[in-house]
Amino acid sequence: MADITLFMRLAVALAIGLMVGIERGWKARDVEDHGRAAGLRTFGLSGLMGGVCGVLATPLGPQFVGIGFVAFSAALGAFAWIEAKAKGDLSATTLIAGMLTFLLG
């Protein structure tokens, strides 16, 4: 029974990420291929990663979620910085949406 609950929780974390990814992908639907930074797959994985960190926090301690969040935010922030420099767009919406997706997962 515990395994089903675990998979249900991870499925919800993935679903949260996919819903955010659909919205972000819809917003950037007119952008040419390979011009979009984050969409369905990225946000789906972000939500799932947050869910996995939450599951691993039980045996490893709650600080594991914080460490995972900081690492995830640093990687996503670095990517957002590189993309902002390349495009000249200083929007932080994708970064904030990614961080929230991780935490919601």
N, C-alpha and C. Protein backbone atom coordinates (compact mmCIF):
# COMPACT_ATOMS: atom_id res chain seq x y z
N MET A 1 0.82 -1.20 0.00
CA MET A 1 0.00 0.00 0.00
C MET A 1 0.86 1.26 0.00
N ALA A 2 1.96 1.23 0.71
CA ALA A 2 2.85 2.40 0.79
C ALA A 2 3.45 2.72 -0.58
N ASP A 3 3.73 1.66 -1.39
CA ASP A 3 4.29 1.89 -2.71
C ASP A 3 3.31 2.63 -3.61
N ILE A 4 2.03 2.30 -3.50
CA ILE A 4 1.02 2.98 -4.31
C ILE A 4 0.93 4.44 -3.91
N THR A 5 0.95 4.72 -2.63
CA THR A 5 0.91 6.09 -2.14
C THR A 5 2.12 6.87 -2.64
N LEU A 6 3.28 6.25 -2.60
CA LEU A 6 4.50 6.90 -3.08
C LEU A 6 4.38 7.24 -4.56
N PHE A 7 3.93 6.28 -5.36
CA PHE A 7 3.80 6.54 -6.80
C PHE A 7 2.71 7.57 -7.09
N MET A 8 1.65 7.56 -6.30
CA MET A 8 0.61 8.57 -6.49
C MET A 8 1.15 9.97 -6.20
N ARG A 9 1.95 10.09 -5.15
CA ARG A 9 2.53 11.39 -4.81
C ARG A 9 3.50 11.87 -5.89
N LEU A 10 4.29 10.94 -6.40
CA LEU A 10 5.21 11.32 -7.47
C LEU A 10 4.45 11.65 -8.75
N ALA A 11 3.35 10.95 -9.00
CA ALA A 11 2.53 11.26 -10.17
C ALA A 11 1.92 12.66 -10.05
N VAL A 12 1.50 13.03 -8.85
CA VAL A 12 0.96 14.37 -8.64
C VAL A 12 2.06 15.41 -8.85
N ALA A 13 3.27 15.15 -8.36
CA ALA A 13 4.39 16.07 -8.56
C ALA A 13 4.68 16.24 -10.05
N LEU A 14 4.67 15.13 -10.78
CA LEU A 14 4.89 15.19 -12.23
C LEU A 14 3.75 15.95 -12.91
N ALA A 15 2.52 15.70 -12.50
CA ALA A 15 1.36 16.38 -13.10
C ALA A 15 1.43 17.89 -12.87
N ILE A 16 1.85 18.30 -11.69
CA ILE A 16 2.00 19.74 -11.41
C ILE A 16 3.01 20.35 -12.39
N GLY A 17 4.14 19.68 -12.55
CA GLY A 17 5.15 20.18 -13.48
C GLY A 17 4.66 20.21 -14.92
N LEU A 18 3.91 19.19 -15.31
CA LEU A 18 3.39 19.15 -16.68
C LEU A 18 2.38 20.26 -16.92
N MET A 19 1.55 20.55 -15.93
CA MET A 19 0.57 21.64 -16.09
C MET A 19 1.28 22.99 -16.25
N VAL A 20 2.30 23.22 -15.44
CA VAL A 20 3.06 24.47 -15.58
C VAL A 20 3.77 24.49 -16.93
N GLY A 21 4.31 23.34 -17.34
CA GLY A 21 4.99 23.25 -18.63
C GLY A 21 4.07 23.50 -19.81
N ILE A 22 2.83 23.04 -19.71
CA ILE A 22 1.86 23.30 -20.78
C ILE A 22 1.62 24.79 -20.90
N GLU A 23 1.43 25.45 -19.76
CA GLU A 23 1.20 26.89 -19.78
C GLU A 23 2.40 27.64 -20.35
N ARG A 24 3.60 27.30 -19.89
CA ARG A 24 4.80 27.99 -20.36
C ARG A 24 5.05 27.69 -21.83
N GLY A 25 4.79 26.45 -22.25
CA GLY A 25 4.96 26.10 -23.66
C GLY A 25 3.94 26.80 -24.54
N TRP A 26 2.71 26.95 -24.05
CA TRP A 26 1.69 27.64 -24.81
C TRP A 26 2.06 29.11 -25.02
N LYS A 27 2.64 29.70 -23.98
CA LYS A 27 3.06 31.10 -24.06
C LYS A 27 4.12 31.28 -25.15
N ALA A 28 4.99 30.30 -25.31
CA ALA A 28 6.11 30.41 -26.26
C ALA A 28 5.85 29.60 -27.53
N ARG A 29 4.58 29.34 -27.86
CA ARG A 29 4.28 28.48 -29.00
C ARG A 29 4.69 29.07 -30.34
N ASP A 30 4.82 30.38 -30.43
CA ASP A 30 5.19 31.01 -31.69
C ASP A 30 6.70 31.12 -31.88
N VAL A 31 7.45 30.73 -30.86
CA VAL A 31 8.91 30.79 -30.95
C VAL A 31 9.39 29.61 -31.80
N GLU A 32 10.38 29.85 -32.62
CA GLU A 32 10.89 28.79 -33.49
C GLU A 32 11.45 27.63 -32.67
N ASP A 33 11.53 26.46 -33.30
CA ASP A 33 12.07 25.28 -32.63
C ASP A 33 13.48 25.56 -32.12
N HIS A 34 13.80 25.00 -30.99
CA HIS A 34 15.08 25.16 -30.29
C HIS A 34 15.30 26.58 -29.81
N GLY A 35 14.27 27.40 -29.86
CA GLY A 35 14.37 28.76 -29.36
C GLY A 35 13.70 28.91 -28.00
N ARG A 36 12.98 27.87 -27.60
CA ARG A 36 12.29 27.87 -26.31
C ARG A 36 13.20 27.27 -25.26
N ALA A 37 13.25 27.90 -24.12
CA ALA A 37 14.13 27.43 -23.06
C ALA A 37 13.51 26.30 -22.26
N ALA A 38 12.32 26.53 -21.76
CA ALA A 38 11.72 25.56 -20.86
C ALA A 38 10.25 25.40 -21.22
N GLY A 39 9.82 24.15 -21.27
CA GLY A 39 8.44 23.87 -21.60
C GLY A 39 7.95 22.65 -20.87
N LEU A 40 7.21 21.84 -21.56
CA LEU A 40 6.57 20.68 -20.97
C LEU A 40 7.56 19.73 -20.30
N ARG A 41 8.59 19.35 -21.00
CA ARG A 41 9.55 18.38 -20.44
C ARG A 41 10.33 18.96 -19.26
N THR A 42 10.80 20.18 -19.42
CA THR A 42 11.61 20.80 -18.37
C THR A 42 10.82 20.97 -17.08
N PHE A 43 9.61 21.50 -17.19
CA PHE A 43 8.82 21.72 -15.99
C PHE A 43 8.28 20.41 -15.42
N GLY A 44 7.97 19.45 -16.29
CA GLY A 44 7.57 18.14 -15.78
C GLY A 44 8.67 17.51 -14.94
N LEU A 45 9.88 17.57 -15.45
CA LEU A 45 11.02 17.04 -14.70
C LEU A 45 11.31 17.84 -13.44
N SER A 46 11.07 19.15 -13.49
CA SER A 46 11.28 19.99 -12.31
C SER A 46 10.33 19.60 -11.18
N GLY A 47 9.06 19.41 -11.52
CA GLY A 47 8.10 18.98 -10.52
C GLY A 47 8.43 17.60 -9.97
N LEU A 48 8.80 16.69 -10.87
CA LEU A 48 9.16 15.34 -10.43
C LEU A 48 10.41 15.37 -9.55
N MET A 49 11.37 16.20 -9.89
CA MET A 49 12.58 16.31 -9.08
C MET A 49 12.26 16.81 -7.67
N GLY A 50 11.36 17.78 -7.58
CA GLY A 50 10.92 18.25 -6.27
C GLY A 50 10.23 17.15 -5.49
N GLY A 51 9.41 16.37 -6.18
CA GLY A 51 8.74 15.26 -5.52
C GLY A 51 9.71 14.19 -5.03
N VAL A 52 10.69 13.89 -5.84
CA VAL A 52 11.71 12.89 -5.44
C VAL A 52 12.51 13.40 -4.24
N CYS A 53 12.86 14.68 -4.24
CA CYS A 53 13.57 15.25 -3.09
C CYS A 53 12.71 15.17 -1.84
N GLY A 54 11.41 15.41 -2.00
CA GLY A 54 10.51 15.29 -0.86
C GLY A 54 10.44 13.87 -0.33
N VAL A 55 10.42 12.90 -1.22
CA VAL A 55 10.41 11.49 -0.81
C VAL A 55 11.71 11.13 -0.11
N LEU A 56 12.82 11.59 -0.67
CA LEU A 56 14.12 11.27 -0.07
C LEU A 56 14.37 12.01 1.24
N ALA A 57 13.58 13.04 1.51
CA ALA A 57 13.74 13.78 2.76
C ALA A 57 13.36 12.93 3.96
N THR A 58 12.51 11.93 3.76
CA THR A 58 12.12 11.07 4.88
C THR A 58 13.32 10.30 5.44
N PRO A 59 14.08 9.58 4.60
CA PRO A 59 15.23 8.88 5.17
C PRO A 59 16.46 9.77 5.37
N LEU A 60 16.60 10.83 4.58
CA LEU A 60 17.83 11.62 4.62
C LEU A 60 17.72 12.91 5.45
N GLY A 61 16.51 13.27 5.83
CA GLY A 61 16.32 14.48 6.62
C GLY A 61 15.77 15.62 5.78
N PRO A 62 15.06 16.54 6.42
CA PRO A 62 14.42 17.63 5.68
C PRO A 62 15.40 18.58 5.00
N GLN A 63 16.62 18.64 5.46
CA GLN A 63 17.60 19.53 4.82
C GLN A 63 17.90 19.08 3.40
N PHE A 64 17.58 17.83 3.07
CA PHE A 64 17.82 17.34 1.71
C PHE A 64 16.99 18.12 0.69
N VAL A 65 15.75 18.48 1.07
CA VAL A 65 14.92 19.29 0.17
C VAL A 65 15.56 20.65 -0.06
N GLY A 66 16.08 21.25 1.00
CA GLY A 66 16.73 22.55 0.88
C GLY A 66 17.97 22.49 0.00
N ILE A 67 18.76 21.47 0.20
CA ILE A 67 19.97 21.30 -0.62
C ILE A 67 19.60 21.07 -2.08
N GLY A 68 18.60 20.23 -2.30
CA GLY A 68 18.13 19.98 -3.66
C GLY A 68 17.59 21.24 -4.31
N PHE A 69 16.85 22.04 -3.53
CA PHE A 69 16.28 23.28 -4.06
C PHE A 69 17.37 24.27 -4.43
N VAL A 70 18.36 24.41 -3.57
CA VAL A 70 19.46 25.34 -3.86
C VAL A 70 20.22 24.89 -5.11
N ALA A 71 20.51 23.60 -5.22
CA ALA A 71 21.23 23.08 -6.39
C ALA A 71 20.40 23.28 -7.66
N PHE A 72 19.11 22.96 -7.58
CA PHE A 72 18.23 23.13 -8.74
C PHE A 72 18.14 24.61 -9.14
N SER A 73 17.96 25.47 -8.16
CA SER A 73 17.84 26.91 -8.44
C SER A 73 19.12 27.48 -9.03
N ALA A 74 20.27 27.01 -8.55
CA ALA A 74 21.54 27.48 -9.09
C ALA A 74 21.70 27.06 -10.55
N ALA A 75 21.37 25.80 -10.85
CA ALA A 75 21.48 25.32 -12.23
C ALA A 75 20.51 26.06 -13.15
N LEU A 76 19.26 26.19 -12.72
CA LEU A 76 18.27 26.88 -13.54
C LEU A 76 18.61 28.37 -13.66
N GLY A 77 19.11 28.96 -12.59
CA GLY A 77 19.51 30.37 -12.62
C GLY A 77 20.66 30.61 -13.57
N ALA A 78 21.64 29.71 -13.58
CA ALA A 78 22.76 29.84 -14.51
C ALA A 78 22.27 29.74 -15.96
N PHE A 79 21.38 28.80 -16.20
CA PHE A 79 20.82 28.66 -17.54
C PHE A 79 20.04 29.92 -17.94
N ALA A 80 19.23 30.43 -17.02
CA ALA A 80 18.44 31.64 -17.30
C ALA A 80 19.35 32.83 -17.57
N TRP A 81 20.45 32.92 -16.84
CA TRP A 81 21.40 34.01 -17.04
C TRP A 81 22.03 33.94 -18.44
N ILE A 82 22.45 32.76 -18.83
CA ILE A 82 23.05 32.57 -20.15
C ILE A 82 22.04 32.90 -21.24
N GLU A 83 20.80 32.44 -21.05
CA GLU A 83 19.77 32.72 -22.04
C GLU A 83 19.45 34.21 -22.10
N ALA A 84 19.40 34.86 -20.94
CA ALA A 84 19.10 36.30 -20.91
C ALA A 84 20.19 37.09 -21.62
N LYS A 85 21.45 36.70 -21.44
CA LYS A 85 22.54 37.38 -22.13
C LYS A 85 22.45 37.18 -23.63
N ALA A 86 22.10 35.97 -24.05
CA ALA A 86 22.04 35.68 -25.48
C ALA A 86 20.87 36.40 -26.16
N LYS A 87 19.74 36.49 -25.47
CA LYS A 87 18.54 37.09 -26.08
C LYS A 87 18.35 38.55 -25.71
N GLY A 88 19.05 39.02 -24.69
CA GLY A 88 18.86 40.39 -24.24
C GLY A 88 17.54 40.59 -23.51
N ASP A 89 16.97 39.52 -22.99
CA ASP A 89 15.69 39.56 -22.29
C ASP A 89 15.96 39.29 -20.81
N LEU A 90 15.62 40.24 -19.97
CA LEU A 90 15.91 40.11 -18.54
C LEU A 90 14.73 39.60 -17.72
N SER A 91 13.81 38.90 -18.34
CA SER A 91 12.64 38.35 -17.64
C SER A 91 13.06 37.20 -16.73
N ALA A 92 12.50 37.19 -15.54
CA ALA A 92 12.80 36.14 -14.57
C ALA A 92 11.62 35.19 -14.37
N THR A 93 10.62 35.28 -15.24
CA THR A 93 9.41 34.49 -15.06
C THR A 93 9.68 33.00 -15.12
N THR A 94 10.46 32.56 -16.09
CA THR A 94 10.76 31.13 -16.22
C THR A 94 11.53 30.63 -15.01
N LEU A 95 12.46 31.41 -14.51
CA LEU A 95 13.23 31.02 -13.33
C LEU A 95 12.31 30.87 -12.11
N ILE A 96 11.46 31.84 -11.88
CA ILE A 96 10.55 31.79 -10.73
C ILE A 96 9.56 30.64 -10.90
N ALA A 97 9.05 30.45 -12.11
CA ALA A 97 8.11 29.35 -12.36
C ALA A 97 8.79 28.00 -12.12
N GLY A 98 10.04 27.87 -12.52
CA GLY A 98 10.77 26.62 -12.28
C GLY A 98 10.99 26.36 -10.81
N MET A 99 11.35 27.40 -10.06
CA MET A 99 11.57 27.24 -8.63
C MET A 99 10.27 26.87 -7.92
N LEU A 100 9.18 27.52 -8.29
CA LEU A 100 7.89 27.19 -7.70
C LEU A 100 7.45 25.78 -8.05
N THR A 101 7.70 25.38 -9.28
CA THR A 101 7.34 24.02 -9.70
C THR A 101 8.09 22.98 -8.88
N PHE A 102 9.37 23.22 -8.65
CA PHE A 102 10.15 22.31 -7.82
C PHE A 102 9.54 22.20 -6.42
N LEU A 103 9.24 23.36 -5.83
CA LEU A 103 8.71 23.37 -4.47
C LEU A 103 7.32 22.76 -4.39
N LEU A 104 6.47 23.00 -5.38
CA LEU A 104 5.15 22.40 -5.38
C LEU A 104 5.23 20.89 -5.55
N GLY A 105 6.20 20.43 -6.35
CA GLY A 105 6.38 18.99 -6.52
C GLY A 105 6.76 18.34 -5.22
